[in-house]
Amino acid sequence: MPKLKIRAVEAVPMPLPLDKPIGSALGTYTHVDFAVVTVHTEGGPSGTGFSMGLGGAATSAIVPYIENELAPLAIGQDALAPEALWQRLWGPNKARMRGGLGVWALSALDIACWDIVGKAAGLPLHRLLGGFRDDVPVYASGGWHTLSDAELVAEAEDFASRGFSAYKFKIGTDRDEERTALLRQELGEDFTLFADANQKFNVREAIEVSCMLAEYGVAWFEEPVLADSIDDLAEVAEKSMVPVGAGENHYMRWGFRELCERRAVDYLQPDVCRCGGVTEFMKVAHLADAFNISLSSHLVHEVSISLVGATPRGYMVEFMELIPAGSLTREFVAKDGMMRVPDASGHGVEFTPEAIKKFSSS
């Protein structure tokens, strides 16, 4: 098969404003910090990739890192060999890719290259990766600390009216039980609730909170303790009265292998924009399959839907509307708690030129 040489790599910081501030145990945010990466090939399609985080200005470091260190390694390489390119980018950068922003940058380029592979093959990404199913369950995500009780219930009920049957809300305040009880009362016993602590508690506190969550039938307890302490997470997972989920702050196959081997989670939740891109996300999916652990995803449902839909361990995709309406060339619509994977070649996610011009900070 002929190669598709990479001729250029563009990286654009693109902070996207939120309609109103949102808050969790980690802080309060006014924008989503996107970096949009476009990989161009010689005589072939271009691919789009992303890094993103809530708040902050990580892209001010990620964009020059891509431009100055990763792009020179990528130019001239075959875009149709993302595994080889991943190794080429990671190899000399190991010291800067133990985790964090270096891996975010690598993830963005990797996502773009897999987009090119799909476009060149004329196939949707999830078909290339296994094509396990075309419709994937999604859960609504929100429940921010910045919401009043009335706003919290209104948000959850709005999602329920749109056909969602599962909703994730934030915990980590002195009103956790009141908010949990209120949601259960207003949404009924058959509605699935997930709770996200964003690493708020120590082991003792987390186990106590799990008992409270169990009383209200909460289905998972996300990031109960510091993500870096696998010992703590494993102890909570063993003693918690509610299944434990984690993964959004873990990196590459090695970090997820430890979660699996230690039985530190019941749900793996990789973030494709952080964990190492599509290449690493699918290795995490294979770990989930090998260890019989359910696989969900963290944010970026627009891309994640194709990945979770490609594996038999795919459980649900997190659905959070963070990108301003009309900013993408196609809509990603959830209906009756399900979302259909894109049938476009590649991953199907592309910002409109108008959105890039409007929101780009470069």
Protein backbone atom coordinates (compact mmCIF):
# COMPACT_ATOMS: atom_id res chain seq x y z
CA MET A 1 0.00 0.00 0.00
CA PRO A 2 1.43 3.43 -0.86
CA LYS A 3 2.50 5.68 1.98
CA LEU A 4 0.98 9.04 2.84
CA LYS A 5 3.78 11.32 3.91
CA ILE A 6 3.07 14.01 6.48
CA ARG A 7 3.97 17.39 5.00
CA ALA A 8 2.84 19.75 7.79
CA VAL A 9 1.46 19.85 11.32
CA GLU A 10 -0.63 22.79 12.54
CA ALA A 11 -1.54 23.36 16.19
CA VAL A 12 -3.97 26.07 17.24
CA PRO A 13 -4.92 27.03 20.82
CA MET A 14 -8.68 27.40 20.94
CA PRO A 15 -10.24 28.16 24.34
CA LEU A 16 -13.98 27.62 24.13
CA PRO A 17 -16.14 29.73 26.47
CA LEU A 18 -18.72 28.05 28.69
CA ASP A 19 -22.20 29.48 28.98
CA LYS A 20 -21.66 29.88 32.72
CA PRO A 21 -18.96 28.84 35.22
CA ILE A 22 -18.90 25.21 36.32
CA GLY A 23 -17.25 23.82 39.43
CA SER A 24 -16.07 20.55 40.97
CA ALA A 25 -13.81 19.55 43.84
CA LEU A 26 -10.89 20.56 41.60
CA GLY A 27 -11.99 24.14 41.00
CA THR A 28 -14.25 26.44 38.99
CA TYR A 29 -13.94 26.84 35.22
CA THR A 30 -15.08 29.45 32.72
CA HIS A 31 -13.80 27.82 29.52
CA VAL A 32 -12.62 24.59 27.91
CA ASP A 33 -8.95 24.75 26.94
CA PHE A 34 -8.83 23.12 23.50
CA ALA A 35 -5.85 22.70 21.19
CA VAL A 36 -6.80 21.67 17.66
CA VAL A 37 -4.12 19.86 15.67
CA THR A 38 -4.31 19.35 11.91
CA VAL A 39 -1.95 16.92 10.20
CA HIS A 40 -1.62 17.46 6.45
CA THR A 41 -0.38 14.81 4.01
CA GLU A 42 1.17 15.02 0.55
CA GLY A 43 -1.62 14.46 -1.93
CA GLY A 44 -3.95 12.88 0.63
CA PRO A 45 -6.45 13.79 3.34
CA SER A 46 -5.77 15.89 6.40
CA GLY A 47 -6.64 14.67 9.90
CA THR A 48 -7.85 16.48 13.00
CA GLY A 49 -6.78 15.83 16.58
CA PHE A 50 -7.33 17.49 19.94
CA SER A 51 -6.12 18.02 23.42
CA MET A 52 -8.46 19.54 25.95
CA GLY A 53 -8.88 20.31 29.61
CA LEU A 54 -11.34 22.19 31.79
CA GLY A 55 -10.02 25.68 32.53
CA GLY A 56 -6.39 26.71 32.67
CA ALA A 57 -4.06 27.48 29.80
CA ALA A 58 -2.35 24.15 29.11
CA THR A 59 -2.47 24.82 25.39
CA SER A 60 0.03 27.65 25.88
CA ALA A 61 2.55 24.89 26.60
CA ILE A 62 1.13 22.12 24.41
CA VAL A 63 1.03 24.08 21.13
CA PRO A 64 4.71 25.15 21.10
CA TYR A 65 5.73 21.67 22.26
CA ILE A 66 3.93 20.18 19.26
CA GLU A 67 5.36 22.79 16.90
CA ASN A 68 8.95 22.68 18.14
CA GLU A 69 9.49 19.05 19.16
CA LEU A 70 6.82 16.72 17.80
CA ALA A 71 6.09 18.22 14.38
CA PRO A 72 9.72 17.95 13.16
CA LEU A 73 9.69 14.26 14.11
CA ALA A 74 6.37 13.71 12.31
CA ILE A 75 7.01 15.53 9.03
CA GLY A 76 8.03 13.11 6.30
CA GLN A 77 6.66 10.09 8.13
CA ASP A 78 3.84 7.83 6.98
CA ALA A 79 0.48 8.99 8.36
CA LEU A 80 -0.94 5.53 7.60
CA ALA A 81 1.33 3.97 10.23
CA PRO A 82 0.13 5.58 13.48
CA GLU A 83 1.73 2.91 15.68
CA ALA A 84 5.15 3.57 14.13
CA LEU A 85 4.64 7.32 14.40
CA TRP A 86 3.53 7.01 18.02
CA GLN A 87 6.75 5.18 18.85
CA ARG A 88 8.83 7.75 16.93
CA LEU A 89 7.28 10.65 18.84
CA TRP A 90 7.40 8.95 22.21
CA GLY A 91 10.88 7.39 21.98
CA PRO A 92 13.10 10.48 22.33
CA ASN A 93 10.55 12.23 24.55
CA LYS A 94 10.14 9.57 27.26
CA ALA A 95 11.37 11.88 30.00
CA ARG A 96 8.73 14.47 29.05
CA MET A 97 5.99 11.93 28.44
CA ARG A 98 5.73 10.15 31.77
CA GLY A 99 2.29 11.73 31.87
CA GLY A 100 0.77 15.18 31.83
CA LEU A 101 0.93 17.70 29.01
CA GLY A 102 3.52 15.83 26.97
CA VAL A 103 1.13 12.91 26.57
CA TRP A 104 -1.72 15.31 25.85
CA ALA A 105 0.32 16.64 22.92
CA LEU A 106 1.14 13.13 21.69
CA SER A 107 -2.54 12.19 21.98
CA ALA A 108 -3.61 15.05 19.72
CA LEU A 109 -1.25 14.04 16.93
CA ASP A 110 -2.20 10.38 17.26
CA ILE A 111 -5.93 11.17 17.01
CA ALA A 112 -5.25 13.18 13.85
CA CYS A 113 -3.30 10.34 12.25
CA TRP A 114 -6.03 7.79 12.94
CA ASP A 115 -8.46 10.24 11.34
CA ILE A 116 -6.25 10.18 8.23
CA VAL A 117 -6.13 6.37 8.22
CA GLY A 118 -9.93 6.21 8.27
CA LYS A 119 -10.29 8.82 5.54
CA ALA A 120 -7.69 7.11 3.34
CA ALA A 121 -9.46 3.76 3.77
CA GLY A 122 -12.90 5.30 3.28
CA LEU A 123 -14.04 3.79 6.59
CA PRO A 124 -15.36 5.11 9.91
CA LEU A 125 -12.75 4.87 12.65
CA HIS A 126 -14.74 2.43 14.74
CA ARG A 127 -14.90 0.01 11.81
CA LEU A 128 -11.12 0.10 11.48
CA LEU A 129 -10.77 -0.65 15.18
CA GLY A 130 -13.22 -3.55 15.40
CA GLY A 131 -16.71 -2.19 14.80
CA PHE A 132 -18.33 -4.01 17.72
CA ARG A 133 -21.58 -2.01 17.58
CA ASP A 134 -23.04 1.01 15.87
CA ASP A 135 -25.10 2.37 18.78
CA VAL A 136 -23.48 3.00 22.16
CA PRO A 137 -25.09 3.84 25.53
CA VAL A 138 -24.30 7.31 26.84
CA TYR A 139 -24.80 8.95 30.21
CA ALA A 140 -25.38 12.62 30.92
CA SER A 141 -22.70 14.39 32.91
CA GLY A 142 -22.96 17.56 34.98
CA GLY A 143 -24.17 18.14 38.51
CA TRP A 144 -21.57 20.82 39.18
CA HIS A 145 -21.00 22.29 42.63
CA THR A 146 -21.89 25.69 41.21
CA LEU A 147 -25.51 24.59 40.70
CA SER A 148 -28.15 25.37 43.29
CA ASP A 149 -30.39 22.49 44.35
CA ALA A 150 -33.11 23.72 42.01
CA GLU A 151 -30.62 24.00 39.12
CA LEU A 152 -29.22 20.55 39.87
CA VAL A 153 -32.66 18.93 39.68
CA ALA A 154 -33.60 20.97 36.62
CA GLU A 155 -30.47 19.85 34.78
CA ALA A 156 -31.00 16.19 35.64
CA GLU A 157 -34.69 16.33 34.71
CA ASP A 158 -33.83 18.02 31.42
CA PHE A 159 -31.48 15.16 30.56
CA ALA A 160 -34.15 12.65 31.57
CA SER A 161 -36.69 14.39 29.31
CA ARG A 162 -34.20 13.99 26.43
CA GLY A 163 -34.14 10.23 26.94
CA PHE A 164 -31.10 9.81 29.19
CA SER A 165 -31.47 7.17 31.89
CA ALA A 166 -28.14 7.83 33.67
CA TYR A 167 -26.65 11.03 35.11
CA LYS A 168 -23.34 11.84 36.81
CA PHE A 169 -23.08 14.54 39.44
CA LYS A 170 -20.26 16.00 41.49
CA ILE A 171 -19.65 15.32 45.15
CA GLY A 172 -17.01 16.54 47.59
CA THR A 173 -18.84 19.16 49.68
CA ASP A 174 -20.56 19.12 53.06
CA ARG A 175 -23.91 18.75 51.24
CA ASP A 176 -23.17 15.52 49.41
CA GLU A 177 -25.90 13.50 51.10
CA GLU A 178 -28.54 16.21 50.70
CA ARG A 179 -27.81 16.51 46.97
CA THR A 180 -27.73 12.75 46.47
CA ALA A 181 -31.00 12.26 48.34
CA LEU A 182 -32.62 15.06 46.36
CA LEU A 183 -31.65 13.56 43.01
CA ARG A 184 -32.84 10.12 44.02
CA GLN A 185 -36.15 11.52 45.27
CA GLU A 186 -36.82 13.61 42.17
CA LEU A 187 -35.61 11.14 39.52
CA GLY A 188 -36.93 7.93 41.02
CA GLU A 189 -35.46 4.55 41.87
CA ASP A 190 -35.06 3.38 38.27
CA PHE A 191 -32.82 6.26 37.19
CA THR A 192 -29.07 5.52 37.30
CA LEU A 193 -26.90 7.92 39.27
CA PHE A 194 -23.09 8.14 39.20
CA ALA A 195 -21.06 10.22 41.68
CA ASP A 196 -17.73 11.89 40.88
CA ALA A 197 -15.47 13.02 43.74
CA ASN A 198 -12.59 14.34 41.59
CA GLN A 199 -9.97 12.90 44.01
CA LYS A 200 -11.44 14.74 46.99
CA PHE A 201 -11.18 12.17 49.82
CA ASN A 202 -8.67 10.10 51.73
CA VAL A 203 -9.23 6.36 52.11
CA ARG A 204 -11.21 6.54 55.35
CA GLU A 205 -13.43 9.34 54.09
CA ALA A 206 -14.02 7.59 50.77
CA ILE A 207 -15.15 4.37 52.42
CA GLU A 208 -17.55 6.32 54.62
CA VAL A 209 -18.92 8.22 51.61
CA SER A 210 -19.38 4.95 49.72
CA CYS A 211 -21.73 3.75 52.46
CA MET A 212 -23.84 6.87 52.01
CA LEU A 213 -23.88 6.51 48.23
CA ALA A 214 -24.92 2.88 48.53
CA GLU A 215 -27.98 3.89 50.56
CA TYR A 216 -29.20 5.87 47.57
CA GLY A 217 -28.35 3.24 44.97
CA VAL A 218 -25.53 5.18 43.30
CA ALA A 219 -24.02 2.95 40.61
CA TRP A 220 -20.37 4.08 40.70
CA PHE A 221 -18.02 6.19 42.79
CA GLU A 222 -15.57 7.99 40.48
CA GLU A 223 -12.08 9.09 41.49
CA PRO A 224 -12.68 8.79 45.23
CA VAL A 225 -9.01 9.39 46.16
CA LEU A 226 -5.81 10.80 44.69
CA ALA A 227 -5.28 9.29 41.23
CA ASP A 228 -1.52 8.96 41.78
CA SER A 229 -1.92 6.65 44.79
CA ILE A 230 -2.87 3.23 43.39
CA ASP A 231 -2.50 1.77 46.89
CA ASP A 232 -5.24 4.07 48.17
CA LEU A 233 -7.46 3.46 45.15
CA ALA A 234 -7.08 -0.32 45.47
CA GLU A 235 -7.97 -0.21 49.16
CA VAL A 236 -11.07 1.88 48.47
CA ALA A 237 -12.09 -0.44 45.63
CA GLU A 238 -11.79 -3.43 47.97
CA LYS A 239 -13.81 -1.86 50.79
CA SER A 240 -16.21 0.47 48.99
CA MET A 241 -19.91 -0.31 49.08
CA VAL A 242 -20.19 1.12 45.56
CA PRO A 243 -18.19 0.10 42.44
CA VAL A 244 -15.21 2.39 41.78
CA GLY A 245 -14.29 4.10 38.51
CA ALA A 246 -11.09 5.92 37.51
CA GLY A 247 -8.80 6.56 34.59
CA GLU A 248 -9.17 10.14 33.36
CA ASN A 249 -5.86 11.03 35.06
CA HIS A 250 -3.96 7.89 34.11
CA TYR A 251 -1.59 7.60 31.20
CA MET A 252 -0.79 4.99 28.59
CA ARG A 253 -1.07 1.22 28.83
CA TRP A 254 1.32 0.88 31.75
CA GLY A 255 -0.70 3.06 34.08
CA PHE A 256 -3.90 1.23 33.20
CA ARG A 257 -2.22 -2.17 33.50
CA GLU A 258 -1.46 -1.38 37.13
CA LEU A 259 -5.08 -0.37 37.76
CA CYS A 260 -6.18 -3.70 36.31
CA GLU A 261 -3.60 -5.88 38.06
CA ARG A 262 -4.32 -4.27 41.42
CA ARG A 263 -8.07 -4.56 40.88
CA ALA A 264 -8.20 -0.88 41.80
CA VAL A 265 -11.25 -0.12 39.64
CA ASP A 266 -14.49 -1.67 38.45
CA TYR A 267 -14.74 0.79 35.55
CA LEU A 268 -11.82 2.00 33.44
CA GLN A 269 -12.34 5.57 32.21
CA PRO A 270 -9.54 6.62 29.82
CA ASP A 271 -9.55 10.03 28.17
CA VAL A 272 -8.47 9.73 24.52
CA CYS A 273 -7.05 13.27 24.60
CA ARG A 274 -4.86 12.45 27.61
CA CYS A 275 -4.05 8.75 27.76
CA GLY A 276 -1.96 8.59 24.58
CA GLY A 277 -4.53 8.97 21.83
CA VAL A 278 -6.43 6.34 19.89
CA THR A 279 -3.38 4.03 19.83
CA GLU A 280 -3.23 3.83 23.61
CA PHE A 281 -6.98 3.99 24.21
CA MET A 282 -7.43 0.77 22.27
CA LYS A 283 -4.64 -0.92 24.24
CA VAL A 284 -6.50 0.10 27.38
CA ALA A 285 -9.66 -1.37 25.84
CA HIS A 286 -7.83 -4.66 25.30
CA LEU A 287 -6.67 -4.61 28.92
CA ALA A 288 -10.28 -4.09 30.00
CA ASP A 289 -11.27 -7.09 27.91
CA ALA A 290 -8.46 -9.26 29.30
CA PHE A 291 -9.29 -8.36 32.91
CA ASN A 292 -13.08 -8.39 32.38
CA ILE A 293 -13.46 -4.77 33.50
CA SER A 294 -16.08 -2.43 32.02
CA LEU A 295 -14.75 0.38 29.83
CA SER A 296 -16.26 3.84 29.80
CA SER A 297 -14.66 7.09 28.60
CA HIS A 298 -13.90 10.55 29.92
CA LEU A 299 -15.28 13.55 28.03
CA VAL A 300 -14.89 14.17 24.27
CA HIS A 301 -17.87 11.98 23.41
CA GLU A 302 -17.50 13.11 19.82
CA VAL A 303 -14.36 10.94 19.44
CA SER A 304 -14.89 8.52 22.33
CA ILE A 305 -18.10 7.14 20.82
CA SER A 306 -16.10 5.52 18.00
CA LEU A 307 -13.63 3.93 20.41
CA VAL A 308 -16.05 2.59 23.02
CA GLY A 309 -18.19 1.34 20.14
CA ALA A 310 -15.27 -0.71 18.82
CA THR A 311 -14.77 -2.96 21.86
CA PRO A 312 -16.94 -5.62 23.55
CA ARG A 313 -16.05 -4.22 26.99
CA GLY A 314 -17.48 -0.82 26.06
CA TYR A 315 -20.01 0.13 28.74
CA MET A 316 -21.02 3.78 28.34
CA VAL A 317 -19.74 7.07 26.98
CA GLU A 318 -19.74 10.27 29.02
CA PHE A 319 -21.88 12.91 27.31
CA MET A 320 -21.09 16.50 28.18
CA GLU A 321 -21.90 19.37 25.84
CA LEU A 322 -18.74 21.48 26.12
CA ILE A 323 -18.34 22.60 22.50
CA PRO A 324 -20.48 25.61 21.52
CA ALA A 325 -23.38 24.70 19.24
CA GLY A 326 -22.62 25.03 15.56
CA SER A 327 -18.84 24.77 16.01
CA LEU A 328 -18.54 21.32 14.40
CA THR A 329 -19.29 20.30 10.83
CA ARG A 330 -21.71 17.62 12.07
CA GLU A 331 -23.84 17.13 15.16
CA PHE A 332 -23.39 14.35 17.71
CA VAL A 333 -26.88 13.68 18.99
CA ALA A 334 -27.89 11.38 21.82
CA LYS A 335 -31.37 9.87 21.64
CA ASP A 336 -33.02 7.65 24.24
CA GLY A 337 -29.73 7.22 26.06
CA MET A 338 -27.88 6.04 22.94
CA MET A 339 -25.60 7.62 20.38
CA ARG A 340 -24.85 6.30 16.90
CA VAL A 341 -21.20 6.22 15.93
CA PRO A 342 -20.36 8.50 12.98
CA ASP A 343 -20.63 6.91 9.56
CA ALA A 344 -18.16 9.40 8.06
CA SER A 345 -14.66 8.32 7.10
CA GLY A 346 -12.24 8.82 10.01
CA HIS A 347 -13.60 9.90 13.38
CA GLY A 348 -15.92 12.49 11.87
CA VAL A 349 -15.02 15.37 14.22
CA GLU A 350 -14.02 18.62 12.59
CA PHE A 351 -14.38 22.26 13.65
CA THR A 352 -15.85 24.65 11.12
CA PRO A 353 -13.48 27.29 9.71
CA GLU A 354 -15.74 29.90 11.29
CA ALA A 355 -15.33 28.35 14.75
CA ILE A 356 -11.55 28.16 14.42
CA LYS A 357 -11.43 31.80 13.34
CA LYS A 358 -13.78 32.88 16.13
CA PHE A 359 -12.25 30.98 19.05
CA SER A 360 -8.58 30.67 18.08
CA SER A 361 -6.28 32.58 20.44
CA SER A 362 -3.25 32.41 18.16
